[in-house]
């Protein structure tokens, strides 16, 4: 699925984010920037040790924030490491933290002249964020940013499987029909 938001093409795809040829891909990182499982582990494995070495130099990234490293052996030039919230019960500012993580990625992209980037569904794996709520927050945040910034030209959501894609598709259709 795709939609035009201001000067940007926003798309939803099922795929492997480590194979994206966008200027930057977003990593669902942990606050210690140590690599891990899921998307984080896949990006570190595909990108090689140079990414982890840069992460070690940075040291830490609090939830709701993002940092930038080179892409190592990835097709993308950069990796934006975003730390989303660990979902507890929805009453500990999880939504605000997730929104901040997405917005931090977009701000970094703008600051570094990144024209195209690819996001995974942040915090929905091991961090346990309910997928439908996370999809709504992700899409609202990205669409809102793109409506007021015309420097980013392509944003892909690279979703792990068909179920995740369908939830994002439903949320995107709902958001764009209002």
C-alpha atoms as a PDB file:
ATOM      1  CA  UNK A   1       0.000   0.000   0.000  1.00  0.00           C
ATOM      2  CA  UNK A   2       1.184   3.528  -0.686  1.00  0.00           C
ATOM      3  CA  UNK A   3       0.081   7.107  -0.237  1.00  0.00           C
ATOM      4  CA  UNK A   4       1.494  10.515  -1.064  1.00  0.00           C
ATOM      5  CA  UNK A   5       1.989  12.728   2.010  1.00  0.00           C
ATOM      6  CA  UNK A   6       3.169  16.212   1.038  1.00  0.00           C
ATOM      7  CA  UNK A   7       6.351  15.592  -1.009  1.00  0.00           C
ATOM      8  CA  UNK A   8       6.822  12.069   0.352  1.00  0.00           C
ATOM      9  CA  UNK A   9       5.789   8.632  -0.843  1.00  0.00           C
ATOM     10  CA  UNK A  10       4.749   6.552   2.194  1.00  0.00           C
ATOM     11  CA  UNK A  11       4.591   2.797   1.617  1.00  0.00           C
ATOM     12  CA  UNK A  12       3.836  -0.371   3.550  1.00  0.00           C
ATOM     13  CA  UNK A  13       5.668  -3.540   2.506  1.00  0.00           C
ATOM     14  CA  UNK A  14       6.339  -7.021   3.827  1.00  0.00           C
ATOM     15  CA  UNK A  15      10.042  -7.719   3.768  1.00  0.00           C
ATOM     16  CA  UNK A  16      13.498  -7.774   5.259  1.00  0.00           C
ATOM     17  CA  UNK A  17      14.633  -4.319   6.369  1.00  0.00           C
ATOM     18  CA  UNK A  18      18.308  -5.319   6.062  1.00  0.00           C
ATOM     19  CA  UNK A  19      17.882  -5.472   2.264  1.00  0.00           C
ATOM     20  CA  UNK A  20      16.413  -1.993   1.864  1.00  0.00           C
ATOM     21  CA  UNK A  21      18.301   0.403  -0.399  1.00  0.00           C
ATOM     22  CA  UNK A  22      16.974   3.553   1.259  1.00  0.00           C
ATOM     23  CA  UNK A  23      19.461   6.142   2.525  1.00  0.00           C
ATOM     24  CA  UNK A  24      18.810   4.931   6.085  1.00  0.00           C
ATOM     25  CA  UNK A  25      17.058   2.097   7.851  1.00  0.00           C
ATOM     26  CA  UNK A  26      15.716   2.312  11.384  1.00  0.00           C
ATOM     27  CA  UNK A  27      16.822  -0.224  13.948  1.00  0.00           C
ATOM     28  CA  UNK A  28      14.610  -1.237  16.875  1.00  0.00           C
ATOM     29  CA  UNK A  29      17.502  -0.839  19.311  1.00  0.00           C
ATOM     30  CA  UNK A  30      17.887  -1.308  23.045  1.00  0.00           C
ATOM     31  CA  UNK A  31      19.024   1.579  25.232  1.00  0.00           C
ATOM     32  CA  UNK A  32      22.516   0.120  25.642  1.00  0.00           C
ATOM     33  CA  UNK A  33      22.945  -0.072  21.841  1.00  0.00           C
ATOM     34  CA  UNK A  34      24.395  -3.551  22.308  1.00  0.00           C
ATOM     35  CA  UNK A  35      22.665  -5.420  19.518  1.00  0.00           C
ATOM     36  CA  UNK A  36      20.193  -8.117  20.394  1.00  0.00           C
ATOM     37  CA  UNK A  37      17.483 -10.253  18.869  1.00  0.00           C
ATOM     38  CA  UNK A  38      14.802  -9.599  16.284  1.00  0.00           C
ATOM     39  CA  UNK A  39      15.309  -6.619  13.970  1.00  0.00           C
ATOM     40  CA  UNK A  40      18.232  -5.386  16.077  1.00  0.00           C
ATOM     41  CA  UNK A  41      20.136  -8.650  15.764  1.00  0.00           C
ATOM     42  CA  UNK A  42      19.379  -8.967  12.044  1.00  0.00           C
ATOM     43  CA  UNK A  43      20.690  -5.460  11.346  1.00  0.00           C
ATOM     44  CA  UNK A  44      23.880  -6.031  13.336  1.00  0.00           C
ATOM     45  CA  UNK A  45      24.490  -9.412  11.658  1.00  0.00           C
ATOM     46  CA  UNK A  46      23.901  -8.053   8.145  1.00  0.00           C
ATOM     47  CA  UNK A  47      25.749  -4.779   8.721  1.00  0.00           C
ATOM     48  CA  UNK A  48      28.790  -6.275  10.393  1.00  0.00           C
ATOM     49  CA  UNK A  49      30.873  -5.294  13.400  1.00  0.00           C
ATOM     50  CA  UNK A  50      31.436  -1.660  12.351  1.00  0.00           C
ATOM     51  CA  UNK A  51      27.878  -0.807  13.431  1.00  0.00           C
ATOM     52  CA  UNK A  52      28.348  -2.245  16.917  1.00  0.00           C
ATOM     53  CA  UNK A  53      31.698  -0.480  17.202  1.00  0.00           C
ATOM     54  CA  UNK A  54      30.025   2.886  16.490  1.00  0.00           C
ATOM     55  CA  UNK A  55      27.219   2.035  18.914  1.00  0.00           C
ATOM     56  CA  UNK A  56      29.759   1.300  21.653  1.00  0.00           C
ATOM     57  CA  UNK A  57      31.338   4.718  21.112  1.00  0.00           C
ATOM     58  CA  UNK A  58      27.913   6.366  21.465  1.00  0.00           C
ATOM     59  CA  UNK A  59      27.227   4.215  24.523  1.00  0.00           C
ATOM     60  CA  UNK A  60      23.582   4.832  25.378  1.00  0.00           C
ATOM     61  CA  UNK A  61      20.298   5.987  23.895  1.00  0.00           C
ATOM     62  CA  UNK A  62      17.314   6.533  26.212  1.00  0.00           C
ATOM     63  CA  UNK A  63      13.822   5.314  25.288  1.00  0.00           C
ATOM     64  CA  UNK A  64      12.089   7.749  22.960  1.00  0.00           C
ATOM     65  CA  UNK A  65      15.370   8.823  21.361  1.00  0.00           C
ATOM     66  CA  UNK A  66      17.455   7.849  18.341  1.00  0.00           C
ATOM     67  CA  UNK A  67      21.089   7.979  17.236  1.00  0.00           C
ATOM     68  CA  UNK A  68      22.762   7.638  13.847  1.00  0.00           C
ATOM     69  CA  UNK A  69      25.572   5.327  12.722  1.00  0.00           C
ATOM     70  CA  UNK A  70      26.970   4.310   9.362  1.00  0.00           C
ATOM     71  CA  UNK A  71      25.356   1.310   7.682  1.00  0.00           C
ATOM     72  CA  UNK A  72      28.376  -0.967   7.609  1.00  0.00           C
ATOM     73  CA  UNK A  73      27.825  -3.692   5.004  1.00  0.00           C
ATOM     74  CA  UNK A  74      24.117  -2.874   4.623  1.00  0.00           C
ATOM     75  CA  UNK A  75      22.790  -1.432   1.346  1.00  0.00           C
ATOM     76  CA  UNK A  76      21.612   1.586   3.376  1.00  0.00           C
ATOM     77  CA  UNK A  77      24.234   4.246   4.047  1.00  0.00           C
ATOM     78  CA  UNK A  78      23.002   4.862   7.616  1.00  0.00           C
ATOM     79  CA  UNK A  79      21.268   3.122  10.486  1.00  0.00           C
ATOM     80  CA  UNK A  80      19.087   5.177  12.800  1.00  0.00           C
ATOM     81  CA  UNK A  81      18.928   3.318  16.103  1.00  0.00           C
ATOM     82  CA  UNK A  82      15.622   4.120  17.811  1.00  0.00           C
ATOM     83  CA  UNK A  83      14.706   2.977  21.300  1.00  0.00           C
ATOM     84  CA  UNK A  84      11.016   2.453  21.820  1.00  0.00           C
ATOM     85  CA  UNK A  85       9.305   1.728  25.118  1.00  0.00           C
ATOM     86  CA  UNK A  86       8.900  -1.615  26.780  1.00  0.00           C
ATOM     87  CA  UNK A  87       5.132  -1.964  27.022  1.00  0.00           C
ATOM     88  CA  UNK A  88       3.887  -2.473  30.564  1.00  0.00           C
ATOM     89  CA  UNK A  89       0.211  -1.562  30.703  1.00  0.00           C
ATOM     90  CA  UNK A  90      -0.220   1.595  28.641  1.00  0.00           C
ATOM     91  CA  UNK A  91      -0.244   3.837  31.709  1.00  0.00           C
ATOM     92  CA  UNK A  92       3.494   4.614  31.901  1.00  0.00           C
ATOM     93  CA  UNK A  93       3.846   7.084  28.999  1.00  0.00           C
ATOM     94  CA  UNK A  94       4.458   4.263  26.536  1.00  0.00           C
ATOM     95  CA  UNK A  95       2.503   6.023  23.756  1.00  0.00           C
ATOM     96  CA  UNK A  96       4.383   9.283  24.276  1.00  0.00           C
ATOM     97  CA  UNK A  97       7.722   7.430  24.276  1.00  0.00           C
ATOM     98  CA  UNK A  98       6.877   5.497  21.106  1.00  0.00           C
ATOM     99  CA  UNK A  99       5.802   8.687  19.334  1.00  0.00           C
ATOM    100  CA  UNK A 100       9.039  10.352  20.440  1.00  0.00           C
ATOM    101  CA  UNK A 101      11.128   7.456  19.077  1.00  0.00           C
ATOM    102  CA  UNK A 102       9.534   7.779  15.623  1.00  0.00           C
ATOM    103  CA  UNK A 103       9.779  11.575  15.642  1.00  0.00           C
ATOM    104  CA  UNK A 104      13.449  11.420  16.715  1.00  0.00           C
ATOM    105  CA  UNK A 105      14.202   9.254  13.670  1.00  0.00           C
ATOM    106  CA  UNK A 106      12.530  11.720  11.333  1.00  0.00           C
ATOM    107  CA  UNK A 107      14.326  14.699  12.887  1.00  0.00           C
ATOM    108  CA  UNK A 108      17.684  12.912  12.528  1.00  0.00           C
ATOM    109  CA  UNK A 109      16.867  12.116   8.899  1.00  0.00           C
ATOM    110  CA  UNK A 110      16.073  15.777   8.211  1.00  0.00           C
ATOM    111  CA  UNK A 111      19.207  16.992  10.002  1.00  0.00           C
ATOM    112  CA  UNK A 112      21.452  14.647   8.007  1.00  0.00           C
ATOM    113  CA  UNK A 113      19.882  15.187   4.576  1.00  0.00           C
ATOM    114  CA  UNK A 114      18.448  11.671   4.469  1.00  0.00           C
ATOM    115  CA  UNK A 115      15.824  11.576   1.710  1.00  0.00           C
ATOM    116  CA  UNK A 116      14.618   7.997   2.110  1.00  0.00           C
ATOM    117  CA  UNK A 117      14.253   5.761   5.140  1.00  0.00           C
ATOM    118  CA  UNK A 118      12.692   2.490   6.185  1.00  0.00           C
ATOM    119  CA  UNK A 119      11.070   1.746   9.535  1.00  0.00           C
ATOM    120  CA  UNK A 120      10.231  -1.536  11.231  1.00  0.00           C
ATOM    121  CA  UNK A 121       7.289  -1.706  13.651  1.00  0.00           C
ATOM    122  CA  UNK A 122       9.135  -0.350  16.707  1.00  0.00           C
ATOM    123  CA  UNK A 123       8.497  -1.935  20.133  1.00  0.00           C
ATOM    124  CA  UNK A 124       6.097  -4.587  18.795  1.00  0.00           C
ATOM    125  CA  UNK A 125       8.394  -7.599  19.136  1.00  0.00           C
ATOM    126  CA  UNK A 126      10.182  -8.392  22.372  1.00  0.00           C
ATOM    127  CA  UNK A 127       9.045  -5.056  23.860  1.00  0.00           C
ATOM    128  CA  UNK A 128       5.435  -6.230  23.652  1.00  0.00           C
ATOM    129  CA  UNK A 129       3.620  -3.122  22.396  1.00  0.00           C
ATOM    130  CA  UNK A 130       0.137  -4.068  21.146  1.00  0.00           C
ATOM    131  CA  UNK A 131       0.436  -4.030  17.371  1.00  0.00           C
ATOM    132  CA  UNK A 132      -2.712  -2.101  16.466  1.00  0.00           C
ATOM    133  CA  UNK A 133      -1.927   0.694  18.947  1.00  0.00           C
ATOM    134  CA  UNK A 134       1.715   0.806  17.833  1.00  0.00           C
ATOM    135  CA  UNK A 135       0.715   0.967  14.159  1.00  0.00           C
ATOM    136  CA  UNK A 136      -1.627   3.879  14.819  1.00  0.00           C
ATOM    137  CA  UNK A 137       1.028   5.823  16.747  1.00  0.00           C
ATOM    138  CA  UNK A 138       3.694   5.104  14.117  1.00  0.00           C
ATOM    139  CA  UNK A 139       1.553   6.217  11.202  1.00  0.00           C
ATOM    140  CA  UNK A 140       0.082   9.273  12.931  1.00  0.00           C
ATOM    141  CA  UNK A 141       3.557  10.441  13.940  1.00  0.00           C
ATOM    142  CA  UNK A 142       5.093   9.915  10.499  1.00  0.00           C
ATOM    143  CA  UNK A 143       2.173  11.468   8.599  1.00  0.00           C
ATOM    144  CA  UNK A 144       2.105  14.467  10.933  1.00  0.00           C
ATOM    145  CA  UNK A 145       5.840  15.053  10.463  1.00  0.00           C
ATOM    146  CA  UNK A 146       5.702  14.636   6.687  1.00  0.00           C
ATOM    147  CA  UNK A 147       2.797  17.074   6.433  1.00  0.00           C
ATOM    148  CA  UNK A 148       5.042  19.820   7.814  1.00  0.00           C
ATOM    149  CA  UNK A 149       8.409  18.802   6.282  1.00  0.00           C
ATOM    150  CA  UNK A 150       9.099  18.323   2.595  1.00  0.00           C
ATOM    151  CA  UNK A 151      12.734  17.197   2.795  1.00  0.00           C
ATOM    152  CA  UNK A 152      12.086  13.457   3.185  1.00  0.00           C
ATOM    153  CA  UNK A 153      10.914  11.904  -0.095  1.00  0.00           C
ATOM    154  CA  UNK A 154      10.389   8.213   0.702  1.00  0.00           C
ATOM    155  CA  UNK A 155       9.332   6.444   3.894  1.00  0.00           C
ATOM    156  CA  UNK A 156       8.797   2.696   3.875  1.00  0.00           C
ATOM    157  CA  UNK A 157       7.389   0.627   6.703  1.00  0.00           C
ATOM    158  CA  UNK A 158       9.004  -2.773   6.235  1.00  0.00           C
ATOM    159  CA  UNK A 159       6.795  -5.199   8.074  1.00  0.00           C
ATOM    160  CA  UNK A 160       7.793  -8.654   9.138  1.00  0.00           C
ATOM    161  CA  UNK A 161       4.736 -10.665   8.079  1.00  0.00           C
ATOM    162  CA  UNK A 162       1.287 -10.515   6.480  1.00  0.00           C
ATOM    163  CA  UNK A 163      -0.586 -10.079   9.792  1.00  0.00           C
ATOM    164  CA  UNK A 164       1.511  -7.052  10.737  1.00  0.00           C
ATOM    165  CA  UNK A 165       1.096  -5.618   7.234  1.00  0.00           C
ATOM    166  CA  UNK A 166      -2.698  -5.994   7.396  1.00  0.00           C
ATOM    167  CA  UNK A 167      -2.894  -4.185  10.743  1.00  0.00           C
ATOM    168  CA  UNK A 168      -0.740  -1.322   9.429  1.00  0.00           C
ATOM    169  CA  UNK A 169      -2.811  -1.215   6.229  1.00  0.00           C
ATOM    170  CA  UNK A 170      -6.076  -0.953   8.177  1.00  0.00           C
ATOM    171  CA  UNK A 171      -4.650   1.809  10.389  1.00  0.00           C
ATOM    172  CA  UNK A 172      -3.265   3.698   7.399  1.00  0.00           C
ATOM    173  CA  UNK A 173      -6.568   3.529   5.547  1.00  0.00           C
ATOM    174  CA  UNK A 174      -8.386   4.762   8.643  1.00  0.00           C
ATOM    175  CA  UNK A 175      -5.933   7.605   9.216  1.00  0.00           C
ATOM    176  CA  UNK A 176      -5.965   8.803   5.601  1.00  0.00           C
ATOM    177  CA  UNK A 177      -9.754   8.679   5.283  1.00  0.00           C
ATOM    178  CA  UNK A 178     -10.291  11.246   8.062  1.00  0.00           C
END
